[in-house]
Amino acid sequence: MAQFLNMSSVMMCPHGGQVNPVTQNARAQAGGGFILRMSDTFLIAGCPFVLGAAPHPCMRVQWVSASASTKVTGDSALTMQSVGLCMAADGAPQGTVLINSTQAQVSGT
C-alpha cells in the first residue's frame, strides 16, 4: 500500500527548515488529512543555510517525481517515494526534501 503524503506529513529541507504544504485538495484523504499533490504549494520556513557569508535559505519545494499510478483531483499524488528539490529564492536547488513521516490509509468523497 502506498504511503501518501498528507497535511500531517512531516517534511524538512536538508538543513532543518520545516516544509509547510498548502493544498487545494478538499476531497481525498489519507490518515485524516488531505492527500498532497504535485501541483500543491510547499513553502519552507526556518532554513538556516548560508552560502559563504550570505544567507541562502531553502524557500520552496519543487517536486520532480510523484505517483505514476494515483491521481487526486486530476493531479499526481505524492508518496514517501516522491522526490522533491528544495529551492532557494534565486531558483538554485539545495538538496532533496526529507520526508520524515506520513499516513497510508486512504478515503475519499
PDB file of N, CA and C in Angstrom:
ATOM      1  N   MET A   1       0.839  -1.183   0.000  1.00  0.00           N
ATOM      2  CA  MET A   1       0.000   0.000   0.000  1.00  0.00           C
ATOM      3  C   MET A   1       0.883   1.246   0.000  1.00  0.00           C
ATOM      4  N   ALA A   2       0.545   2.190  -0.848  1.00  0.00           N
ATOM      5  CA  ALA A   2       1.316   3.434  -0.939  1.00  0.00           C
ATOM      6  C   ALA A   2       1.158   4.256   0.339  1.00  0.00           C
ATOM      7  N   GLN A   3       2.224   4.902   0.723  1.00  0.00           N
ATOM      8  CA  GLN A   3       2.175   5.815   1.862  1.00  0.00           C
ATOM      9  C   GLN A   3       2.087   7.231   1.303  1.00  0.00           C
ATOM     10  N   PHE A   4       0.873   7.780   1.295  1.00  0.00           N
ATOM     11  CA  PHE A   4       0.625   9.090   0.722  1.00  0.00           C
ATOM     12  C   PHE A   4       1.056  10.203   1.664  1.00  0.00           C
ATOM     13  N   LEU A   5       1.556  11.296   1.094  1.00  0.00           N
ATOM     14  CA  LEU A   5       1.825  12.488   1.877  1.00  0.00           C
ATOM     15  C   LEU A   5       0.511  13.218   2.078  1.00  0.00           C
ATOM     16  N   ASN A   6       0.286  13.709   3.293  1.00  0.00           N
ATOM     17  CA  ASN A   6      -0.921  14.476   3.575  1.00  0.00           C
ATOM     18  C   ASN A   6      -0.548  15.706   4.399  1.00  0.00           C
ATOM     19  N   MET A   7      -1.552  16.457   4.804  1.00  0.00           N
ATOM     20  CA  MET A   7      -1.304  17.698   5.540  1.00  0.00           C
ATOM     21  C   MET A   7      -0.611  17.466   6.882  1.00  0.00           C
ATOM     22  N   SER A   8      -0.622  16.227   7.376  1.00  0.00           N
ATOM     23  CA  SER A   8       0.036  15.906   8.646  1.00  0.00           C
ATOM     24  C   SER A   8       1.454  15.378   8.457  1.00  0.00           C
ATOM     25  N   SER A   9       1.864  15.179   7.218  1.00  0.00           N
ATOM     26  CA  SER A   9       3.202  14.661   6.956  1.00  0.00           C
ATOM     27  C   SER A   9       4.258  15.638   7.449  1.00  0.00           C
ATOM     28  N   VAL A  10       5.352  15.081   7.960  1.00  0.00           N
ATOM     29  CA  VAL A  10       6.457  15.901   8.452  1.00  0.00           C
ATOM     30  C   VAL A  10       7.571  15.855   7.409  1.00  0.00           C
ATOM     31  N   MET A  11       7.886  17.038   6.860  1.00  0.00           N
ATOM     32  CA  MET A  11       8.930  17.159   5.837  1.00  0.00           C
ATOM     33  C   MET A  11       9.859  18.304   6.206  1.00  0.00           C
ATOM     34  N   MET A  12      11.138  18.149   5.831  1.00  0.00           N
ATOM     35  CA  MET A  12      12.139  19.168   6.132  1.00  0.00           C
ATOM     36  C   MET A  12      13.081  19.330   4.948  1.00  0.00           C
ATOM     37  N   CYS A  13      13.721  20.490   4.876  1.00  0.00           N
ATOM     38  CA  CYS A  13      14.803  20.666   3.916  1.00  0.00           C
ATOM     39  C   CYS A  13      16.046  20.005   4.513  1.00  0.00           C
ATOM     40  N   PRO A  14      17.097  19.789   3.729  1.00  0.00           N
ATOM     41  CA  PRO A  14      18.292  19.115   4.267  1.00  0.00           C
ATOM     42  C   PRO A  14      19.009  19.883   5.372  1.00  0.00           C
ATOM     43  N   HIS A  15      18.634  21.152   5.574  1.00  0.00           N
ATOM     44  CA  HIS A  15      19.289  21.981   6.581  1.00  0.00           C
ATOM     45  C   HIS A  15      18.440  22.164   7.836  1.00  0.00           C
ATOM     46  N   GLY A  16      17.261  21.529   7.864  1.00  0.00           N
ATOM     47  CA  GLY A  16      16.416  21.578   9.050  1.00  0.00           C
ATOM     48  C   GLY A  16      15.227  22.513   8.972  1.00  0.00           C
ATOM     49  N   GLY A  17      15.004  23.159   7.834  1.00  0.00           N
ATOM     50  CA  GLY A  17      13.827  24.021   7.670  1.00  0.00           C
ATOM     51  C   GLY A  17      12.564  23.181   7.572  1.00  0.00           C
ATOM     52  N   GLN A  18      11.459  23.698   8.058  1.00  0.00           N
ATOM     53  CA  GLN A  18      10.173  22.993   8.078  1.00  0.00           C
ATOM     54  C   GLN A  18       9.401  23.257   6.792  1.00  0.00           C
ATOM     55  N   VAL A  19       8.949  22.179   6.119  1.00  0.00           N
ATOM     56  CA  VAL A  19       8.138  22.303   4.909  1.00  0.00           C
ATOM     57  C   VAL A  19       6.675  22.425   5.316  1.00  0.00           C
ATOM     58  N   ASN A  20       6.004  23.456   4.787  1.00  0.00           N
ATOM     59  CA  ASN A  20       4.599  23.730   5.086  1.00  0.00           C
ATOM     60  C   ASN A  20       3.782  23.645   3.804  1.00  0.00           C
ATOM     61  N   PRO A  21       2.979  22.585   3.648  1.00  0.00           N
ATOM     62  CA  PRO A  21       2.190  22.443   2.425  1.00  0.00           C
ATOM     63  C   PRO A  21       0.913  23.274   2.456  1.00  0.00           C
ATOM     64  N   VAL A  22       0.494  23.692   1.264  1.00  0.00           N
ATOM     65  CA  VAL A  22      -0.792  24.359   1.057  1.00  0.00           C
ATOM     66  C   VAL A  22      -1.449  23.621  -0.103  1.00  0.00           C
ATOM     67  N   THR A  23      -2.618  23.005   0.143  1.00  0.00           N
ATOM     68  CA  THR A  23      -3.269  22.213  -0.890  1.00  0.00           C
ATOM     69  C   THR A  23      -4.641  22.758  -1.255  1.00  0.00           C
ATOM     70  N   GLN A  24      -5.026  22.523  -2.486  1.00  0.00           N
ATOM     71  CA  GLN A  24      -6.380  22.846  -2.949  1.00  0.00           C
ATOM     72  C   GLN A  24      -7.257  21.593  -2.923  1.00  0.00           C
ATOM     73  N   ASN A  25      -6.688  20.432  -2.570  1.00  0.00           N
ATOM     74  CA  ASN A  25      -7.438  19.183  -2.495  1.00  0.00           C
ATOM     75  C   ASN A  25      -8.339  19.215  -1.265  1.00  0.00           C
ATOM     76  N   ALA A  26      -9.629  19.115  -1.487  1.00  0.00           N
ATOM     77  CA  ALA A  26     -10.581  19.077  -0.373  1.00  0.00           C
ATOM     78  C   ALA A  26     -11.449  17.831  -0.469  1.00  0.00           C
ATOM     79  N   ARG A  27     -10.948  16.789  -1.162  1.00  0.00           N
ATOM     80  CA  ARG A  27     -11.755  15.586  -1.377  1.00  0.00           C
ATOM     81  C   ARG A  27     -11.103  14.322  -0.828  1.00  0.00           C
ATOM     82  N   ALA A  28      -9.937  13.956  -1.338  1.00  0.00           N
ATOM     83  CA  ALA A  28      -9.317  12.681  -0.971  1.00  0.00           C
ATOM     84  C   ALA A  28      -8.425  12.852   0.253  1.00  0.00           C
ATOM     85  N   GLN A  29      -8.567  11.895   1.201  1.00  0.00           N
ATOM     86  CA  GLN A  29      -7.798  11.946   2.438  1.00  0.00           C
ATOM     87  C   GLN A  29      -6.992  10.677   2.639  1.00  0.00           C
ATOM     88  N   ALA A  30      -5.933  10.819   3.416  1.00  0.00           N
ATOM     89  CA  ALA A  30      -5.125   9.684   3.870  1.00  0.00           C
ATOM     90  C   ALA A  30      -4.798   9.937   5.329  1.00  0.00           C
ATOM     91  N   GLY A  31      -5.167   9.019   6.206  1.00  0.00           N
ATOM     92  CA  GLY A  31      -4.845   9.153   7.622  1.00  0.00           C
ATOM     93  C   GLY A  31      -5.425  10.389   8.273  1.00  0.00           C
ATOM     94  N   GLY A  32      -6.575  10.873   7.791  1.00  0.00           N
ATOM     95  CA  GLY A  32      -7.221  12.019   8.412  1.00  0.00           C
ATOM     96  C   GLY A  32      -6.808  13.367   7.858  1.00  0.00           C
ATOM     97  N   GLY A  33      -5.905  13.406   6.883  1.00  0.00           N
ATOM     98  CA  GLY A  33      -5.501  14.679   6.283  1.00  0.00           C
ATOM     99  C   GLY A  33      -5.604  14.595   4.769  1.00  0.00           C
ATOM    100  N   PHE A  34      -5.815  15.720   4.121  1.00  0.00           N
ATOM    101  CA  PHE A  34      -5.951  15.739   2.672  1.00  0.00           C
ATOM    102  C   PHE A  34      -4.641  15.331   2.002  1.00  0.00           C
ATOM    103  N   ILE A  35      -4.747  14.475   0.971  1.00  0.00           N
ATOM    104  CA  ILE A  35      -3.573  13.988   0.235  1.00  0.00           C
ATOM    105  C   ILE A  35      -2.949  15.142  -0.537  1.00  0.00           C
ATOM    106  N   LEU A  36      -1.620  15.215  -0.477  1.00  0.00           N
ATOM    107  CA  LEU A  36      -0.886  16.262  -1.177  1.00  0.00           C
ATOM    108  C   LEU A  36      -0.598  15.833  -2.610  1.00  0.00           C
ATOM    109  N   ARG A  37      -0.575  16.839  -3.504  1.00  0.00           N
ATOM    110  CA  ARG A  37      -0.387  16.596  -4.926  1.00  0.00           C
ATOM    111  C   ARG A  37       0.819  17.372  -5.436  1.00  0.00           C
ATOM    112  N   MET A  38       1.307  16.967  -6.589  1.00  0.00           N
ATOM    113  CA  MET A  38       2.491  17.582  -7.177  1.00  0.00           C
ATOM    114  C   MET A  38       2.300  19.081  -7.425  1.00  0.00           C
ATOM    115  N   SER A  39       1.076  19.507  -7.739  1.00  0.00           N
ATOM    116  CA  SER A  39       0.825  20.920  -8.049  1.00  0.00           C
ATOM    117  C   SER A  39       0.574  21.783  -6.817  1.00  0.00           C
ATOM    118  N   ASP A  40       0.519  21.195  -5.632  1.00  0.00           N
ATOM    119  CA  ASP A  40       0.309  21.978  -4.415  1.00  0.00           C
ATOM    120  C   ASP A  40       1.537  22.853  -4.140  1.00  0.00           C
ATOM    121  N   THR A  41       1.374  23.795  -3.246  1.00  0.00           N
ATOM    122  CA  THR A  41       2.458  24.712  -2.867  1.00  0.00           C
ATOM    123  C   THR A  41       3.120  24.201  -1.592  1.00  0.00           C
ATOM    124  N   PHE A  42       4.447  24.204  -1.570  1.00  0.00           N
ATOM    125  CA  PHE A  42       5.215  23.736  -0.418  1.00  0.00           C
ATOM    126  C   PHE A  42       6.249  24.804  -0.071  1.00  0.00           C
ATOM    127  N   LEU A  43       5.983  25.557   0.997  1.00  0.00           N
ATOM    128  CA  LEU A  43       6.876  26.627   1.440  1.00  0.00           C
ATOM    129  C   LEU A  43       7.760  26.105   2.574  1.00  0.00           C
ATOM    130  N   ILE A  44       8.972  26.618   2.648  1.00  0.00           N
ATOM    131  CA  ILE A  44       9.929  26.189   3.674  1.00  0.00           C
ATOM    132  C   ILE A  44      10.226  27.366   4.593  1.00  0.00           C
ATOM    133  N   ALA A  45      10.123  27.119   5.896  1.00  0.00           N
ATOM    134  CA  ALA A  45      10.396  28.151   6.899  1.00  0.00           C
ATOM    135  C   ALA A  45      11.533  27.701   7.809  1.00  0.00           C
ATOM    136  N   GLY A  46      12.379  28.620   8.179  1.00  0.00           N
ATOM    137  CA  GLY A  46      13.406  28.346   9.176  1.00  0.00           C
ATOM    138  C   GLY A  46      14.654  27.666   8.667  1.00  0.00           C
ATOM    139  N   CYS A  47      14.924  27.703   7.370  1.00  0.00           N
ATOM    140  CA  CYS A  47      16.159  27.102   6.849  1.00  0.00           C
ATOM    141  C   CYS A  47      17.335  28.016   7.194  1.00  0.00           C
ATOM    142  N   PRO A  48      18.360  27.478   7.878  1.00  0.00           N
ATOM    143  CA  PRO A  48      19.487  28.308   8.295  1.00  0.00           C
ATOM    144  C   PRO A  48      20.663  28.310   7.310  1.00  0.00           C
ATOM    145  N   PHE A  49      20.491  27.740   6.117  1.00  0.00           N
ATOM    146  CA  PHE A  49      21.611  27.562   5.190  1.00  0.00           C
ATOM    147  C   PHE A  49      22.259  28.891   4.829  1.00  0.00           C
ATOM    148  N   VAL A  50      23.590  28.891   4.827  1.00  0.00           N
ATOM    149  CA  VAL A  50      24.393  30.060   4.481  1.00  0.00           C
ATOM    150  C   VAL A  50      25.368  29.644   3.386  1.00  0.00           C
ATOM    151  N   LEU A  51      25.472  30.461   2.343  1.00  0.00           N
ATOM    152  CA  LEU A  51      26.397  30.217   1.246  1.00  0.00           C
ATOM    153  C   LEU A  51      27.487  31.273   1.342  1.00  0.00           C
ATOM    154  N   GLY A  52      28.685  30.841   1.745  1.00  0.00           N
ATOM    155  CA  GLY A  52      29.740  31.806   2.043  1.00  0.00           C
ATOM    156  C   GLY A  52      29.365  32.542   3.313  1.00  0.00           C
ATOM    157  N   ALA A  53      29.200  33.852   3.214  1.00  0.00           N
ATOM    158  CA  ALA A  53      28.779  34.650   4.374  1.00  0.00           C
ATOM    159  C   ALA A  53      27.335  35.129   4.242  1.00  0.00           C
ATOM    160  N   ALA A  54      26.712  34.799   3.109  1.00  0.00           N
ATOM    161  CA  ALA A  54      25.359  35.306   2.856  1.00  0.00           C
ATOM    162  C   ALA A  54      24.306  34.233   3.103  1.00  0.00           C
ATOM    163  N   PRO A  55      23.208  34.594   3.762  1.00  0.00           N
ATOM    164  CA  PRO A  55      22.108  33.637   3.940  1.00  0.00           C
ATOM    165  C   PRO A  55      21.575  33.194   2.567  1.00  0.00           C
ATOM    166  N   HIS A  56      21.304  31.903   2.417  1.00  0.00           N
ATOM    167  CA  HIS A  56      20.783  31.344   1.161  1.00  0.00           C
ATOM    168  C   HIS A  56      19.801  30.227   1.513  1.00  0.00           C
ATOM    169  N   PRO A  57      18.720  30.575   2.229  1.00  0.00           N
ATOM    170  CA  PRO A  57      17.821  29.536   2.743  1.00  0.00           C
ATOM    171  C   PRO A  57      16.973  28.882   1.653  1.00  0.00           C
ATOM    172  N   CYS A  58      16.562  27.647   1.927  1.00  0.00           N
ATOM    173  CA  CYS A  58      15.569  26.967   1.095  1.00  0.00           C
ATOM    174  C   CYS A  58      14.246  27.695   1.307  1.00  0.00           C
ATOM    175  N   MET A  59      13.480  27.895   0.211  1.00  0.00           N
ATOM    176  CA  MET A  59      12.234  28.653   0.293  1.00  0.00           C
ATOM    177  C   MET A  59      11.004  27.844  -0.111  1.00  0.00           C
ATOM    178  N   ARG A  60      11.177  26.884  -1.032  1.00  0.00           N
ATOM    179  CA  ARG A  60      10.033  26.119  -1.535  1.00  0.00           C
ATOM    180  C   ARG A  60      10.513  24.765  -2.030  1.00  0.00           C
ATOM    181  N   VAL A  61       9.552  23.858  -2.242  1.00  0.00           N
ATOM    182  CA  VAL A  61       9.857  22.530  -2.783  1.00  0.00           C
ATOM    183  C   VAL A  61       9.302  22.446  -4.188  1.00  0.00           C
ATOM    184  N   GLN A  62      10.121  21.952  -5.106  1.00  0.00           N
ATOM    185  CA  GLN A  62       9.697  21.673  -6.481  1.00  0.00           C
ATOM    186  C   GLN A  62       9.768  20.157  -6.658  1.00  0.00           C
ATOM    187  N   TRP A  63       8.621  19.524  -6.863  1.00  0.00           N
ATOM    188  CA  TRP A  63       8.566  18.065  -6.985  1.00  0.00           C
ATOM    189  C   TRP A  63       8.978  17.644  -8.390  1.00  0.00           C
ATOM    190  N   VAL A  64       9.834  16.622  -8.470  1.00  0.00           N
ATOM    191  CA  VAL A  64      10.292  16.114  -9.760  1.00  0.00           C
ATOM    192  C   VAL A  64       9.735  14.730 -10.065  1.00  0.00           C
ATOM    193  N   SER A  65       9.220  14.039  -9.045  1.00  0.00           N
ATOM    194  CA  SER A  65       8.554  12.754  -9.292  1.00  0.00           C
ATOM    195  C   SER A  65       7.448  12.557  -8.266  1.00  0.00           C
ATOM    196  N   ALA A  66       6.368  11.908  -8.725  1.00  0.00           N
ATOM    197  CA  ALA A  66       5.201  11.630  -7.881  1.00  0.00           C
ATOM    198  C   ALA A  66       4.691  10.251  -8.254  1.00  0.00           C
ATOM    199  N   SER A  67       3.563   9.859  -7.694  1.00  0.00           N
ATOM    200  CA  SER A  67       2.969   8.572  -8.002  1.00  0.00           C
ATOM    201  C   SER A  67       2.573   8.524  -9.474  1.00  0.00           C
ATOM    202  N   ALA A  68       3.001   7.467 -10.165  1.00  0.00           N
ATOM    203  CA  ALA A  68       2.642   7.295 -11.574  1.00  0.00           C
ATOM    204  C   ALA A  68       1.258   6.676 -11.714  1.00  0.00           C
ATOM    205  N   SER A  69       0.766   6.069 -10.648  1.00  0.00           N
ATOM    206  CA  SER A  69      -0.495   5.323 -10.753  1.00  0.00           C
ATOM    207  C   SER A  69      -1.670   5.949 -10.014  1.00  0.00           C
ATOM    208  N   THR A  70      -1.441   6.929  -9.153  1.00  0.00           N
ATOM    209  CA  THR A  70      -2.535   7.512  -8.368  1.00  0.00           C
ATOM    210  C   THR A  70      -2.674   8.991  -8.657  1.00  0.00           C
ATOM    211  N   LYS A  71      -3.888   9.378  -9.040  1.00  0.00           N
ATOM    212  CA  LYS A  71      -4.220  10.784  -9.275  1.00  0.00           C
ATOM    213  C   LYS A  71      -5.243  11.214  -8.222  1.00  0.00           C
ATOM    214  N   VAL A  72      -5.136  12.465  -7.783  1.00  0.00           N
ATOM    215  CA  VAL A  72      -6.081  13.055  -6.838  1.00  0.00           C
ATOM    216  C   VAL A  72      -6.550  14.362  -7.452  1.00  0.00           C
ATOM    217  N   THR A  73      -7.830  14.462  -7.680  1.00  0.00           N
ATOM    218  CA  THR A  73      -8.448  15.611  -8.356  1.00  0.00           C
ATOM    219  C   THR A  73      -7.656  16.021  -9.600  1.00  0.00           C
ATOM    220  N   GLY A  74      -7.267  15.022 -10.393  1.00  0.00           N
ATOM    221  CA  GLY A  74      -6.624  15.261 -11.678  1.00  0.00           C
ATOM    222  C   GLY A  74      -5.130  15.477 -11.650  1.00  0.00           C
ATOM    223  N   ASP A  75      -4.491  15.357 -10.497  1.00  0.00           N
ATOM    224  CA  ASP A  75      -3.045  15.578 -10.412  1.00  0.00           C
ATOM    225  C   ASP A  75      -2.381  14.397  -9.701  1.00  0.00           C
ATOM    226  N   SER A  76      -1.108  14.180  -9.969  1.00  0.00           N
ATOM    227  CA  SER A  76      -0.372  13.071  -9.363  1.00  0.00           C
ATOM    228  C   SER A  76      -0.245  13.260  -7.856  1.00  0.00           C
ATOM    229  N   ALA A  77      -0.570  12.196  -7.115  1.00  0.00           N
ATOM    230  CA  ALA A  77      -0.443  12.207  -5.661  1.00  0.00           C
ATOM    231  C   ALA A  77       1.021  12.047  -5.265  1.00  0.00           C
ATOM    232  N   LEU A  78       1.372  12.586  -4.106  1.00  0.00           N
ATOM    233  CA  LEU A  78       2.725  12.439  -3.576  1.00  0.00           C
ATOM    234  C   LEU A  78       2.756  11.310  -2.561  1.00  0.00           C
ATOM    235  N   THR A  79       3.836  10.524  -2.593  1.00  0.00           N
ATOM    236  CA  THR A  79       4.029   9.409  -1.668  1.00  0.00           C
ATOM    237  C   THR A  79       5.410   9.519  -1.020  1.00  0.00           C
ATOM    238  N   MET A  80       5.708   8.587  -0.140  1.00  0.00           N
ATOM    239  CA  MET A  80       7.028   8.532   0.500  1.00  0.00           C
ATOM    240  C   MET A  80       8.147   8.370  -0.534  1.00  0.00           C
ATOM    241  N   GLN A  81       7.826   7.818  -1.705  1.00  0.00           N
ATOM    242  CA  GLN A  81       8.825   7.604  -2.747  1.00  0.00           C
ATOM    243  C   GLN A  81       8.992   8.814  -3.672  1.00  0.00           C
ATOM    244  N   SER A  82       8.153   9.828  -3.517  1.00  0.00           N
ATOM    245  CA  SER A  82       8.249  11.026  -4.353  1.00  0.00           C
ATOM    246  C   SER A  82       9.548  11.765  -4.059  1.00  0.00           C
ATOM    247  N   VAL A  83      10.036  12.473  -5.081  1.00  0.00           N
ATOM    248  CA  VAL A  83      11.286  13.227  -4.944  1.00  0.00           C
ATOM    249  C   VAL A  83      10.991  14.698  -5.168  1.00  0.00           C
ATOM    250  N   GLY A  84      11.408  15.519  -4.202  1.00  0.00           N
ATOM    251  CA  GLY A  84      11.242  16.969  -4.312  1.00  0.00           C
ATOM    252  C   GLY A  84      12.559  17.661  -4.048  1.00  0.00           C
ATOM    253  N   LEU A  85      12.811  18.728  -4.799  1.00  0.00           N
ATOM    254  CA  LEU A  85      14.018  19.529  -4.601  1.00  0.00           C
ATOM    255  C   LEU A  85      13.691  20.763  -3.787  1.00  0.00           C
ATOM    256  N   CYS A  86      14.523  21.054  -2.801  1.00  0.00           N
ATOM    257  CA  CYS A  86      14.386  22.269  -2.013  1.00  0.00           C
ATOM    258  C   CYS A  86      15.097  23.381  -2.782  1.00  0.00           C
ATOM    259  N   MET A  87      14.364  24.468  -3.042  1.00  0.00           N
ATOM    260  CA  MET A  87      14.869  25.539  -3.889  1.00  0.00           C
ATOM    261  C   MET A  87      15.061  26.828  -3.098  1.00  0.00           C
ATOM    262  N   ALA A  88      16.135  27.545  -3.426  1.00  0.00           N
ATOM    263  CA  ALA A  88      16.373  28.865  -2.848  1.00  0.00           C
ATOM    264  C   ALA A  88      15.541  29.898  -3.603  1.00  0.00           C
ATOM    265  N   ALA A  89      15.491  31.108  -3.103  1.00  0.00           N
ATOM    266  CA  ALA A  89      14.716  32.170  -3.742  1.00  0.00           C
ATOM    267  C   ALA A  89      15.216  32.472  -5.150  1.00  0.00           C
ATOM    268  N   ASP A  90      16.511  32.258  -5.397  1.00  0.00           N
ATOM    269  CA  ASP A  90      17.071  32.521  -6.721  1.00  0.00           C
ATOM    270  C   ASP A  90      16.927  31.328  -7.672  1.00  0.00           C
ATOM    271  N   GLY A  91      16.215  30.273  -7.219  1.00  0.00           N
ATOM    272  CA  GLY A  91      15.974  29.100  -8.059  1.00  0.00           C
ATOM    273  C   GLY A  91      17.036  28.025  -7.985  1.00  0.00           C
ATOM    274  N   ALA A  92      18.034  28.195  -7.145  1.00  0.00           N
ATOM    275  CA  ALA A  92      19.091  27.199  -7.017  1.00  0.00           C
ATOM    276  C   ALA A  92      18.599  26.006  -6.203  1.00  0.00           C
ATOM    277  N   PRO A  93      18.769  24.778  -6.732  1.00  0.00           N
ATOM    278  CA  PRO A  93      18.416  23.595  -5.943  1.00  0.00           C
ATOM    279  C   PRO A  93      19.442  23.403  -4.826  1.00  0.00           C
ATOM    280  N   GLN A  94      18.940  23.040  -3.623  1.00  0.00           N
ATOM    281  CA  GLN A  94      19.832  22.939  -2.465  1.00  0.00           C
ATOM    282  C   GLN A  94      19.757  21.584  -1.766  1.00  0.00           C
ATOM    283  N   GLY A  95      19.190  20.603  -2.439  1.00  0.00           N
ATOM    284  CA  GLY A  95      19.096  19.257  -1.876  1.00  0.00           C
ATOM    285  C   GLY A  95      17.671  18.753  -1.947  1.00  0.00           C
ATOM    286  N   THR A  96      17.492  17.483  -1.618  1.00  0.00           N
ATOM    287  CA  THR A  96      16.157  16.885  -1.687  1.00  0.00           C
ATOM    288  C   THR A  96      15.428  17.030  -0.358  1.00  0.00           C
ATOM    289  N   VAL A  97      14.103  17.107  -0.457  1.00  0.00           N
ATOM    290  CA  VAL A  97      13.264  17.208   0.727  1.00  0.00           C
ATOM    291  C   VAL A  97      13.354  15.902   1.522  1.00  0.00           C
ATOM    292  N   LEU A  98      13.359  16.008   2.830  1.00  0.00           N
ATOM    293  CA  LEU A  98      13.389  14.843   3.715  1.00  0.00           C
ATOM    294  C   LEU A  98      11.971  14.595   4.206  1.00  0.00           C
ATOM    295  N   ILE A  99      11.440  13.420   3.900  1.00  0.00           N
ATOM    296  CA  ILE A  99      10.089  13.052   4.324  1.00  0.00           C
ATOM    297  C   ILE A  99      10.240  12.180   5.560  1.00  0.00           C
ATOM    298  N   ASN A 100       9.841  12.703   6.711  1.00  0.00           N
ATOM    299  CA  ASN A 100      10.050  12.001   7.969  1.00  0.00           C
ATOM    300  C   ASN A 100       8.879  11.104   8.382  1.00  0.00           C
ATOM    301  N   SER A 101       7.647  11.496   8.060  1.00  0.00           N
ATOM    302  CA  SER A 101       6.501  10.659   8.408  1.00  0.00           C
ATOM    303  C   SER A 101       5.310  11.011   7.534  1.00  0.00           C
ATOM    304  N   THR A 102       4.395  10.032   7.402  1.00  0.00           N
ATOM    305  CA  THR A 102       3.187  10.212   6.621  1.00  0.00           C
ATOM    306  C   THR A 102       2.169   9.159   7.019  1.00  0.00           C
ATOM    307  N   GLN A 103       1.071   9.042   6.261  1.00  0.00           N
ATOM    308  CA  GLN A 103      -0.018   8.090   6.555  1.00  0.00           C
ATOM    309  C   GLN A 103      -0.265   7.192   5.352  1.00  0.00           C
ATOM    310  N   ALA A 104      -0.844   6.019   5.573  1.00  0.00           N
ATOM    311  CA  ALA A 104      -1.120   5.088   4.486  1.00  0.00           C
ATOM    312  C   ALA A 104      -2.599   4.930   4.168  1.00  0.00           C
ATOM    313  N   GLN A 105      -3.478   5.077   5.126  1.00  0.00           N
ATOM    314  CA  GLN A 105      -4.905   4.842   4.928  1.00  0.00           C
ATOM    315  C   GLN A 105      -5.521   5.913   4.045  1.00  0.00           C
ATOM    316  N   VAL A 106      -6.357   5.492   3.067  1.00  0.00           N
ATOM    317  CA  VAL A 106      -6.946   6.414   2.109  1.00  0.00           C
ATOM    318  C   VAL A 106      -8.460   6.386   2.192  1.00  0.00           C
ATOM    319  N   SER A 107      -9.074   7.563   2.058  1.00  0.00           N
ATOM    320  CA  SER A 107     -10.527   7.655   1.930  1.00  0.00           C
ATOM    321  C   SER A 107     -10.841   8.818   1.007  1.00  0.00           C
ATOM    322  N   GLY A 108     -12.013   8.826   0.413  1.00  0.00           N
ATOM    323  CA  GLY A 108     -12.389   9.911  -0.493  1.00  0.00           C
ATOM    324  C   GLY A 108     -13.882  10.131  -0.475  1.00  0.00           C
ATOM    325  N   THR A 109     -14.272  11.312  -0.974  1.00  0.00           N
ATOM    326  CA  THR A 109     -15.687  11.643  -1.070  1.00  0.00           C
ATOM    327  C   THR A 109     -16.044  11.939  -2.493  1.00  0.00           C
TER     328      THR A 109
END
